[in-house]
PDB file of N, CA and C in Angstrom:
ATOM      1  N   MET A   1       9.817  -0.921   7.952  1.00  0.00           N
ATOM      2  CA  MET A   1       8.674  -1.322   7.215  1.00  0.00           C
ATOM      3  C   MET A   1       7.421  -0.677   7.849  1.00  0.00           C
ATOM      4  N   GLY A   2       7.458  -0.123   8.827  1.00  0.00           N
ATOM      5  CA  GLY A   2       6.041   0.615   9.553  1.00  0.00           C
ATOM      6  C   GLY A   2       5.315  -0.476  10.374  1.00  0.00           C
ATOM      7  N   PRO A   3       4.273   0.090  10.741  1.00  0.00           N
ATOM      8  CA  PRO A   3       3.430  -0.930  11.721  1.00  0.00           C
ATOM      9  C   PRO A   3       2.911  -1.973  10.775  1.00  0.00           C
ATOM     10  N   GLU A   4       2.523  -3.187  11.353  1.00  0.00           N
ATOM     11  CA  GLU A   4       2.039  -4.311  10.641  1.00  0.00           C
ATOM     12  C   GLU A   4       0.592  -4.049  10.419  1.00  0.00           C
ATOM     13  N   ARG A   5       0.093  -4.255   9.250  1.00  0.00           N
ATOM     14  CA  ARG A   5      -1.163  -3.974   8.947  1.00  0.00           C
ATOM     15  C   ARG A   5      -2.061  -5.415   8.977  1.00  0.00           C
ATOM     16  N   THR A   6      -3.431  -5.489   9.211  1.00  0.00           N
ATOM     17  CA  THR A   6      -4.142  -6.606   9.049  1.00  0.00           C
ATOM     18  C   THR A   6      -5.169  -6.481   8.113  1.00  0.00           C
ATOM     19  N   SER A   7      -5.592  -7.687   7.519  1.00  0.00           N
ATOM     20  CA  SER A   7      -6.496  -7.652   6.581  1.00  0.00           C
ATOM     21  C   SER A   7      -7.949  -7.826   7.029  1.00  0.00           C
ATOM     22  N   SER A   8      -8.810  -7.278   6.319  1.00  0.00           N
ATOM     23  CA  SER A   8     -10.181  -7.445   6.726  1.00  0.00           C
ATOM     24  C   SER A   8     -10.947  -8.829   6.193  1.00  0.00           C
ATOM     25  N   ARG A   9     -10.240  -9.455   5.417  1.00  0.00           N
ATOM     26  CA  ARG A   9     -10.699 -10.804   4.932  1.00  0.00           C
ATOM     27  C   ARG A   9     -10.093 -11.873   5.775  1.00  0.00           C
ATOM     28  N   ASN A  10     -10.897 -13.096   5.713  1.00  0.00           N
ATOM     29  CA  ASN A  10     -10.364 -14.271   6.466  1.00  0.00           C
ATOM     30  C   ASN A  10      -9.299 -14.854   5.175  1.00  0.00           C
ATOM     31  N   GLU A  11      -7.965 -14.853   6.069  1.00  0.00           N
ATOM     32  CA  GLU A  11      -7.121 -15.638   5.048  1.00  0.00           C
ATOM     33  C   GLU A  11      -7.295 -16.955   4.446  1.00  0.00           C
ATOM     34  N   ASN A  12      -8.014 -17.794   5.269  1.00  0.00           N
ATOM     35  CA  ASN A  12      -8.299 -19.023   4.653  1.00  0.00           C
ATOM     36  C   ASN A  12      -9.385 -19.091   3.576  1.00  0.00           C
ATOM     37  N   ALA A  13     -10.054 -17.840   3.355  1.00  0.00           N
ATOM     38  CA  ALA A  13     -10.964 -17.639   2.320  1.00  0.00           C
ATOM     39  C   ALA A  13     -10.377 -17.377   0.969  1.00  0.00           C
ATOM     40  N   VAL A  14      -9.133 -16.940   1.159  1.00  0.00           N
ATOM     41  CA  VAL A  14      -8.308 -16.598  -0.225  1.00  0.00           C
ATOM     42  C   VAL A  14      -7.906 -17.757  -0.734  1.00  0.00           C
ATOM     43  N   GLU A  15      -7.995 -17.941  -2.157  1.00  0.00           N
ATOM     44  CA  GLU A  15      -7.380 -18.819  -2.859  1.00  0.00           C
ATOM     45  C   GLU A  15      -5.843 -19.008  -2.957  1.00  0.00           C
ATOM     46  N   GLY A  16      -5.307 -20.058  -2.700  1.00  0.00           N
ATOM     47  CA  GLY A  16      -3.887 -20.285  -2.655  1.00  0.00           C
ATOM     48  C   GLY A  16      -3.410 -20.905  -3.973  1.00  0.00           C
ATOM     49  N   ARG A  17      -2.367 -20.361  -4.432  1.00  0.00           N
ATOM     50  CA  ARG A  17      -1.777 -20.858  -5.723  1.00  0.00           C
ATOM     51  C   ARG A  17      -0.238 -21.306  -5.481  1.00  0.00           C
ATOM     52  N   TYR A  18       0.281 -22.593  -5.883  1.00  0.00           N
ATOM     53  CA  TYR A  18       1.630 -22.799  -5.736  1.00  0.00           C
ATOM     54  C   TYR A  18       2.537 -22.006  -6.928  1.00  0.00           C
ATOM     55  N   ALA A  19       3.473 -21.510  -6.642  1.00  0.00           N
ATOM     56  CA  ALA A  19       4.449 -20.671  -7.602  1.00  0.00           C
ATOM     57  C   ALA A  19       5.752 -21.109  -7.524  1.00  0.00           C
ATOM     58  N   ASN A  20       6.322 -21.465  -8.567  1.00  0.00           N
ATOM     59  CA  ASN A  20       7.775 -21.597  -8.674  1.00  0.00           C
ATOM     60  C   ASN A  20       8.314 -21.019 -10.105  1.00  0.00           C
ATOM     61  N   PHE A  21       7.672 -20.045 -10.398  1.00  0.00           N
ATOM     62  CA  PHE A  21       8.072 -19.298 -11.651  1.00  0.00           C
ATOM     63  C   PHE A  21       7.796 -17.779 -11.341  1.00  0.00           C
ATOM     64  N   PHE A  22       8.682 -16.937 -11.189  1.00  0.00           N
ATOM     65  CA  PHE A  22       8.563 -15.591 -11.098  1.00  0.00           C
ATOM     66  C   PHE A  22       9.285 -14.820 -12.207  1.00  0.00           C
ATOM     67  N   LYS A  23       8.635 -13.733 -12.679  1.00  0.00           N
ATOM     68  CA  LYS A  23       9.203 -12.690 -13.694  1.00  0.00           C
ATOM     69  C   LYS A  23       9.090 -11.272 -12.937  1.00  0.00           C
ATOM     70  N   ILE A  24      10.107 -10.465 -13.031  1.00  0.00           N
ATOM     71  CA  ILE A  24       9.917  -9.355 -12.256  1.00  0.00           C
ATOM     72  C   ILE A  24      10.522  -8.104 -13.089  1.00  0.00           C
ATOM     73  N   GLY A  25       9.805  -7.145 -13.309  1.00  0.00           N
ATOM     74  CA  GLY A  25      10.018  -5.964 -14.080  1.00  0.00           C
ATOM     75  C   GLY A  25       9.653  -4.752 -13.378  1.00  0.00           C
ATOM     76  N   TYR A  26       9.929  -3.645 -13.887  1.00  0.00           N
ATOM     77  CA  TYR A  26       9.781  -2.255 -13.137  1.00  0.00           C
ATOM     78  C   TYR A  26       9.814  -1.190 -14.362  1.00  0.00           C
ATOM     79  N   ASN A  27       9.122  -0.100 -13.994  1.00  0.00           N
ATOM     80  CA  ASN A  27       9.259   1.128 -14.686  1.00  0.00           C
ATOM     81  C   ASN A  27       9.383   2.292 -13.649  1.00  0.00           C
ATOM     82  N   SER A  28       9.393   3.420 -13.853  1.00  0.00           N
ATOM     83  CA  SER A  28       9.698   4.601 -12.997  1.00  0.00           C
ATOM     84  C   SER A  28       8.546   4.491 -11.984  1.00  0.00           C
ATOM     85  N   ALA A  29       7.239   4.147 -12.286  1.00  0.00           N
ATOM     86  CA  ALA A  29       6.162   4.244 -11.249  1.00  0.00           C
ATOM     87  C   ALA A  29       5.753   2.935 -10.619  1.00  0.00           C
ATOM     88  N   GLU A  30       6.323   1.751 -11.040  1.00  0.00           N
ATOM     89  CA  GLU A  30       5.659   0.586 -10.444  1.00  0.00           C
ATOM     90  C   GLU A  30       6.607  -0.700 -10.668  1.00  0.00           C
ATOM     91  N   PHE A  31       6.449  -1.537  -9.901  1.00  0.00           N
ATOM     92  CA  PHE A  31       7.154  -3.150  -9.983  1.00  0.00           C
ATOM     93  C   PHE A  31       5.983  -3.880 -10.422  1.00  0.00           C
ATOM     94  N   ILE A  32       6.246  -4.864 -11.312  1.00  0.00           N
ATOM     95  CA  ILE A  32       5.494  -5.775 -11.712  1.00  0.00           C
ATOM     96  C   ILE A  32       5.988  -7.229 -11.409  1.00  0.00           C
ATOM     97  N   ILE A  33       5.392  -7.900 -10.769  1.00  0.00           N
ATOM     98  CA  ILE A  33       5.819  -9.244 -10.362  1.00  0.00           C
ATOM     99  C   ILE A  33       4.732 -10.302 -11.110  1.00  0.00           C
ATOM    100  N   VAL A  34       5.073 -10.996 -11.935  1.00  0.00           N
ATOM    101  CA  VAL A  34       4.295 -12.048 -12.638  1.00  0.00           C
ATOM    102  C   VAL A  34       4.732 -13.380 -11.999  1.00  0.00           C
ATOM    103  N   TYR A  35       3.744 -14.293 -11.661  1.00  0.00           N
ATOM    104  CA  TYR A  35       3.877 -15.567 -11.045  1.00  0.00           C
ATOM    105  C   TYR A  35       3.178 -16.564 -11.624  1.00  0.00           C
ATOM    106  N   GLY A  36       3.728 -17.790 -11.641  1.00  0.00           N
ATOM    107  CA  GLY A  36       3.015 -18.986 -12.055  1.00  0.00           C
ATOM    108  C   GLY A  36       3.654 -20.301 -11.720  1.00  0.00           C
ATOM    109  N   GLN A  37       3.177 -21.428 -12.330  1.00  0.00           N
ATOM    110  CA  GLN A  37       3.811 -22.725 -12.035  1.00  0.00           C
ATOM    111  C   GLN A  37       4.570 -23.218 -13.320  1.00  0.00           C
ATOM    112  N   TYR A  38       5.826 -23.345 -13.103  1.00  0.00           N
ATOM    113  CA  TYR A  38       6.598 -23.924 -14.449  1.00  0.00           C
ATOM    114  C   TYR A  38       6.537 -25.510 -14.346  1.00  0.00           C
ATOM    115  N   TYR A  39       6.253 -25.943 -15.501  1.00  0.00           N
ATOM    116  CA  TYR A  39       6.171 -27.451 -15.970  1.00  0.00           C
ATOM    117  C   TYR A  39       7.334 -27.781 -16.782  1.00  0.00           C
ATOM    118  N   PRO A  40       8.357 -28.408 -16.315  1.00  0.00           N
ATOM    119  CA  PRO A  40       9.621 -28.648 -17.047  1.00  0.00           C
ATOM    120  C   PRO A  40       9.283 -29.657 -18.337  1.00  0.00           C
ATOM    121  N   GLU A  41       8.177 -30.522 -18.136  1.00  0.00           N
ATOM    122  CA  GLU A  41       8.020 -31.413 -19.454  1.00  0.00           C
ATOM    123  C   GLU A  41       7.867 -30.642 -20.611  1.00  0.00           C
ATOM    124  N   ASN A  42       7.131 -29.511 -20.583  1.00  0.00           N
ATOM    125  CA  ASN A  42       6.857 -28.786 -21.767  1.00  0.00           C
ATOM    126  C   ASN A  42       7.525 -27.396 -21.884  1.00  0.00           C
ATOM    127  N   ASP A  43       8.460 -27.160 -20.867  1.00  0.00           N
ATOM    128  CA  ASP A  43       9.407 -26.036 -20.767  1.00  0.00           C
ATOM    129  C   ASP A  43       8.567 -24.667 -20.696  1.00  0.00           C
ATOM    130  N   GLN A  44       7.389 -24.768 -20.127  1.00  0.00           N
ATOM    131  CA  GLN A  44       6.560 -23.503 -20.053  1.00  0.00           C
ATOM    132  C   GLN A  44       6.112 -23.372 -18.769  1.00  0.00           C
ATOM    133  N   ALA A  45       5.595 -22.087 -18.373  1.00  0.00           N
ATOM    134  CA  ALA A  45       5.022 -21.695 -17.023  1.00  0.00           C
ATOM    135  C   ALA A  45       3.618 -21.396 -17.294  1.00  0.00           C
ATOM    136  N   GLU A  46       2.638 -21.865 -16.643  1.00  0.00           N
ATOM    137  CA  GLU A  46       1.276 -21.447 -16.503  1.00  0.00           C
ATOM    138  C   GLU A  46       1.185 -20.274 -15.625  1.00  0.00           C
ATOM    139  N   LEU A  47       0.941 -19.033 -16.088  1.00  0.00           N
ATOM    140  CA  LEU A  47       0.942 -18.159 -15.275  1.00  0.00           C
ATOM    141  C   LEU A  47      -0.400 -18.029 -14.338  1.00  0.00           C
ATOM    142  N   CYS A  48      -0.144 -17.500 -13.133  1.00  0.00           N
ATOM    143  CA  CYS A  48      -1.308 -17.417 -12.435  1.00  0.00           C
ATOM    144  C   CYS A  48      -2.059 -16.057 -11.926  1.00  0.00           C
ATOM    145  N   GLY A  49      -0.894 -15.200 -11.967  1.00  0.00           N
ATOM    146  CA  GLY A  49      -1.327 -13.802 -11.512  1.00  0.00           C
ATOM    147  C   GLY A  49      -0.326 -12.733 -11.646  1.00  0.00           C
ATOM    148  N   ARG A  50      -0.729 -11.560 -11.343  1.00  0.00           N
ATOM    149  CA  ARG A  50       0.402 -10.478 -11.494  1.00  0.00           C
ATOM    150  C   ARG A  50       0.126  -9.576 -10.351  1.00  0.00           C
ATOM    151  N   ILE A  51       1.361  -8.971  -9.653  1.00  0.00           N
ATOM    152  CA  ILE A  51       1.286  -8.041  -8.701  1.00  0.00           C
ATOM    153  C   ILE A  51       1.780  -6.781  -9.201  1.00  0.00           C
ATOM    154  N   ILE A  52       1.097  -5.830  -9.286  1.00  0.00           N
ATOM    155  CA  ILE A  52       1.549  -4.335  -9.613  1.00  0.00           C
ATOM    156  C   ILE A  52       1.609  -3.544  -8.316  1.00  0.00           C
ATOM    157  N   THR A  53       2.659  -3.080  -7.947  1.00  0.00           N
ATOM    158  CA  THR A  53       3.013  -2.458  -6.884  1.00  0.00           C
ATOM    159  C   THR A  53       3.848  -1.038  -6.845  1.00  0.00           C
ATOM    160  N   HIS A  54       3.696  -0.034  -6.082  1.00  0.00           N
ATOM    161  CA  HIS A  54       4.554   1.173  -5.897  1.00  0.00           C
ATOM    162  C   HIS A  54       5.924   0.544  -5.617  1.00  0.00           C
ATOM    163  N   PRO A  55       7.089   1.240  -5.982  1.00  0.00           N
ATOM    164  CA  PRO A  55       8.512   0.826  -5.612  1.00  0.00           C
ATOM    165  C   PRO A  55       8.646   0.772  -3.940  1.00  0.00           C
ATOM    166  N   SER A  56       7.888   1.621  -3.349  1.00  0.00           N
ATOM    167  CA  SER A  56       8.210   1.601  -1.969  1.00  0.00           C
ATOM    168  C   SER A  56       7.497   0.188  -1.287  1.00  0.00           C
ATOM    169  N   TYR A  57       6.351  -0.157  -1.826  1.00  0.00           N
ATOM    170  CA  TYR A  57       5.767  -1.345  -1.313  1.00  0.00           C
ATOM    171  C   TYR A  57       6.823  -2.535  -1.755  1.00  0.00           C
ATOM    172  N   ALA A  58       7.368  -2.497  -2.795  1.00  0.00           N
ATOM    173  CA  ALA A  58       8.068  -3.636  -3.410  1.00  0.00           C
ATOM    174  C   ALA A  58       9.310  -3.623  -2.537  1.00  0.00           C
ATOM    175  N   LYS A  59       9.898  -2.636  -2.009  1.00  0.00           N
ATOM    176  CA  LYS A  59      11.003  -2.590  -1.067  1.00  0.00           C
ATOM    177  C   LYS A  59      10.497  -3.106   0.423  1.00  0.00           C
ATOM    178  N   SER A  60       9.329  -2.702   0.784  1.00  0.00           N
ATOM    179  CA  SER A  60       8.597  -3.460   1.931  1.00  0.00           C
ATOM    180  C   SER A  60       8.513  -5.021   1.805  1.00  0.00           C
ATOM    181  N   LEU A  61       8.139  -5.233   0.710  1.00  0.00           N
ATOM    182  CA  LEU A  61       8.043  -6.813   0.295  1.00  0.00           C
ATOM    183  C   LEU A  61       9.246  -7.463   0.512  1.00  0.00           C
ATOM    184  N   LEU A  62      10.303  -7.023  -0.126  1.00  0.00           N
ATOM    185  CA  LEU A  62      11.774  -7.452  -0.074  1.00  0.00           C
ATOM    186  C   LEU A  62      12.139  -7.630   1.346  1.00  0.00           C
ATOM    187  N   SER A  63      11.957  -6.360   2.371  1.00  0.00           N
ATOM    188  CA  SER A  63      12.355  -6.559   3.538  1.00  0.00           C
ATOM    189  C   SER A  63      11.688  -7.790   4.373  1.00  0.00           C
ATOM    190  N   ALA A  64      10.459  -7.813   4.142  1.00  0.00           N
ATOM    191  CA  ALA A  64       9.560  -8.795   4.840  1.00  0.00           C
ATOM    192  C   ALA A  64      10.047 -10.044   4.571  1.00  0.00           C
ATOM    193  N   LEU A  65      10.108 -10.347   3.267  1.00  0.00           N
ATOM    194  CA  LEU A  65      10.457 -11.658   2.623  1.00  0.00           C
ATOM    195  C   LEU A  65      11.832 -12.097   3.264  1.00  0.00           C
ATOM    196  N   GLN A  66      12.876 -11.056   3.153  1.00  0.00           N
ATOM    197  CA  GLN A  66      14.241 -11.588   3.601  1.00  0.00           C
ATOM    198  C   GLN A  66      13.985 -11.736   5.209  1.00  0.00           C
ATOM    199  N   ALA A  67      13.422 -11.007   5.960  1.00  0.00           N
ATOM    200  CA  ALA A  67      13.258 -11.458   7.340  1.00  0.00           C
ATOM    201  C   ALA A  67      12.613 -12.697   7.545  1.00  0.00           C
ATOM    202  N   THR A  68      11.597 -13.075   6.850  1.00  0.00           N
ATOM    203  CA  THR A  68      10.978 -14.356   6.985  1.00  0.00           C
ATOM    204  C   THR A  68      11.895 -15.456   6.488  1.00  0.00           C
ATOM    205  N   VAL A  69      12.856 -15.348   5.485  1.00  0.00           N
ATOM    206  CA  VAL A  69      13.708 -16.140   5.014  1.00  0.00           C
ATOM    207  C   VAL A  69      14.771 -16.535   6.190  1.00  0.00           C
ATOM    208  N   ASP A  70      15.305 -15.539   6.753  1.00  0.00           N
ATOM    209  CA  ASP A  70      16.287 -15.420   7.753  1.00  0.00           C
ATOM    210  C   ASP A  70      15.677 -16.143   8.907  1.00  0.00           C
ATOM    211  N   GLU A  71      14.532 -15.990   9.500  1.00  0.00           N
ATOM    212  CA  GLU A  71      13.758 -16.712  10.503  1.00  0.00           C
ATOM    213  C   GLU A  71      13.595 -18.066  10.202  1.00  0.00           C
ATOM    214  N   TYR A  72      13.322 -18.524   8.909  1.00  0.00           N
ATOM    215  CA  TYR A  72      13.183 -19.875   8.508  1.00  0.00           C
ATOM    216  C   TYR A  72      14.508 -20.529   8.682  1.00  0.00           C
ATOM    217  N   GLU A  73      15.582 -19.965   8.226  1.00  0.00           N
ATOM    218  CA  GLU A  73      16.816 -20.456   8.143  1.00  0.00           C
ATOM    219  C   GLU A  73      17.439 -20.728   9.517  1.00  0.00           C
ATOM    220  N   LEU A  74      16.994 -19.769  10.570  1.00  0.00           N
ATOM    221  CA  LEU A  74      17.408 -20.091  11.716  1.00  0.00           C
ATOM    222  C   LEU A  74      16.782 -21.237  12.355  1.00  0.00           C
ATOM    223  N   LYS A  75      15.553 -21.537  12.016  1.00  0.00           N
ATOM    224  CA  LYS A  75      14.799 -22.808  12.571  1.00  0.00           C
ATOM    225  C   LYS A  75      15.138 -23.939  11.953  1.00  0.00           C
ATOM    226  N   PHE A  76      15.451 -24.081  10.463  1.00  0.00           N
ATOM    227  CA  PHE A  76      15.292 -25.182   9.823  1.00  0.00           C
ATOM    228  C   PHE A  76      16.547 -25.500   9.200  1.00  0.00           C
ATOM    229  N   GLY A  77      17.508 -24.567   9.113  1.00  0.00           N
ATOM    230  CA  GLY A  77      18.864 -24.430   8.483  1.00  0.00           C
ATOM    231  C   GLY A  77      18.932 -23.637   7.065  1.00  0.00           C
ATOM    232  N   GLU A  78      20.104 -23.615   6.380  1.00  0.00           N
ATOM    233  CA  GLU A  78      20.123 -22.802   5.316  1.00  0.00           C
ATOM    234  C   GLU A  78      19.354 -23.418   4.111  1.00  0.00           C
ATOM    235  N   ILE A  79      18.662 -22.702   3.359  1.00  0.00           N
ATOM    236  CA  ILE A  79      17.966 -22.962   2.231  1.00  0.00           C
ATOM    237  C   ILE A  79      18.989 -23.326   1.029  1.00  0.00           C
ATOM    238  N   GLN A  80      18.996 -24.306   0.591  1.00  0.00           N
ATOM    239  CA  GLN A  80      19.848 -24.626  -0.580  1.00  0.00           C
ATOM    240  C   GLN A  80      19.262 -24.413  -1.889  1.00  0.00           C
ATOM    241  N   GLN A  81      19.865 -23.733  -2.912  1.00  0.00           N
ATOM    242  CA  GLN A  81      19.524 -23.408  -4.087  1.00  0.00           C
ATOM    243  C   GLN A  81      19.927 -24.515  -5.200  1.00  0.00           C
ATOM    244  N   ASP A  82      18.945 -25.031  -6.092  1.00  0.00           N
ATOM    245  CA  ASP A  82      19.236 -25.850  -7.141  1.00  0.00           C
ATOM    246  C   ASP A  82      19.771 -24.956  -8.173  1.00  0.00           C
ATOM    247  N   SER A  83      20.818 -25.493  -8.856  1.00  0.00           N
ATOM    248  CA  SER A  83      21.538 -24.775  -9.921  1.00  0.00           C
ATOM    249  C   SER A  83      20.587 -24.477 -11.253  1.00  0.00           C
ATOM    250  N   ASP A  84      19.633 -25.219 -11.200  1.00  0.00           N
ATOM    251  CA  ASP A  84      18.737 -25.199 -12.461  1.00  0.00           C
ATOM    252  C   ASP A  84      17.457 -24.534 -12.219  1.00  0.00           C
ATOM    253  N   ARG A  85      17.344 -23.919 -11.149  1.00  0.00           N
ATOM    254  CA  ARG A  85      16.102 -22.981 -10.885  1.00  0.00           C
ATOM    255  C   ARG A  85      16.353 -21.480 -11.163  1.00  0.00           C
TER     256      ARG A  85
END
């Protein structure tokens, strides 16, 4: 993934959003990740934002997320997935 980068902004100053809905698409030039919060009572998701990134950054995100999930599972045990998610 290359050297870890730091941000110039205080991470605590950035708004946090809960997300349990993700829709991922792509074309030849970019990956698009739409995220939001799904509400089962009305069977809809309220979209929060969209990430548009180059395929190489999407692959870096995949690697970083996998490494973080692996670390989490070593510490807390295997993550169980619900069949209805």
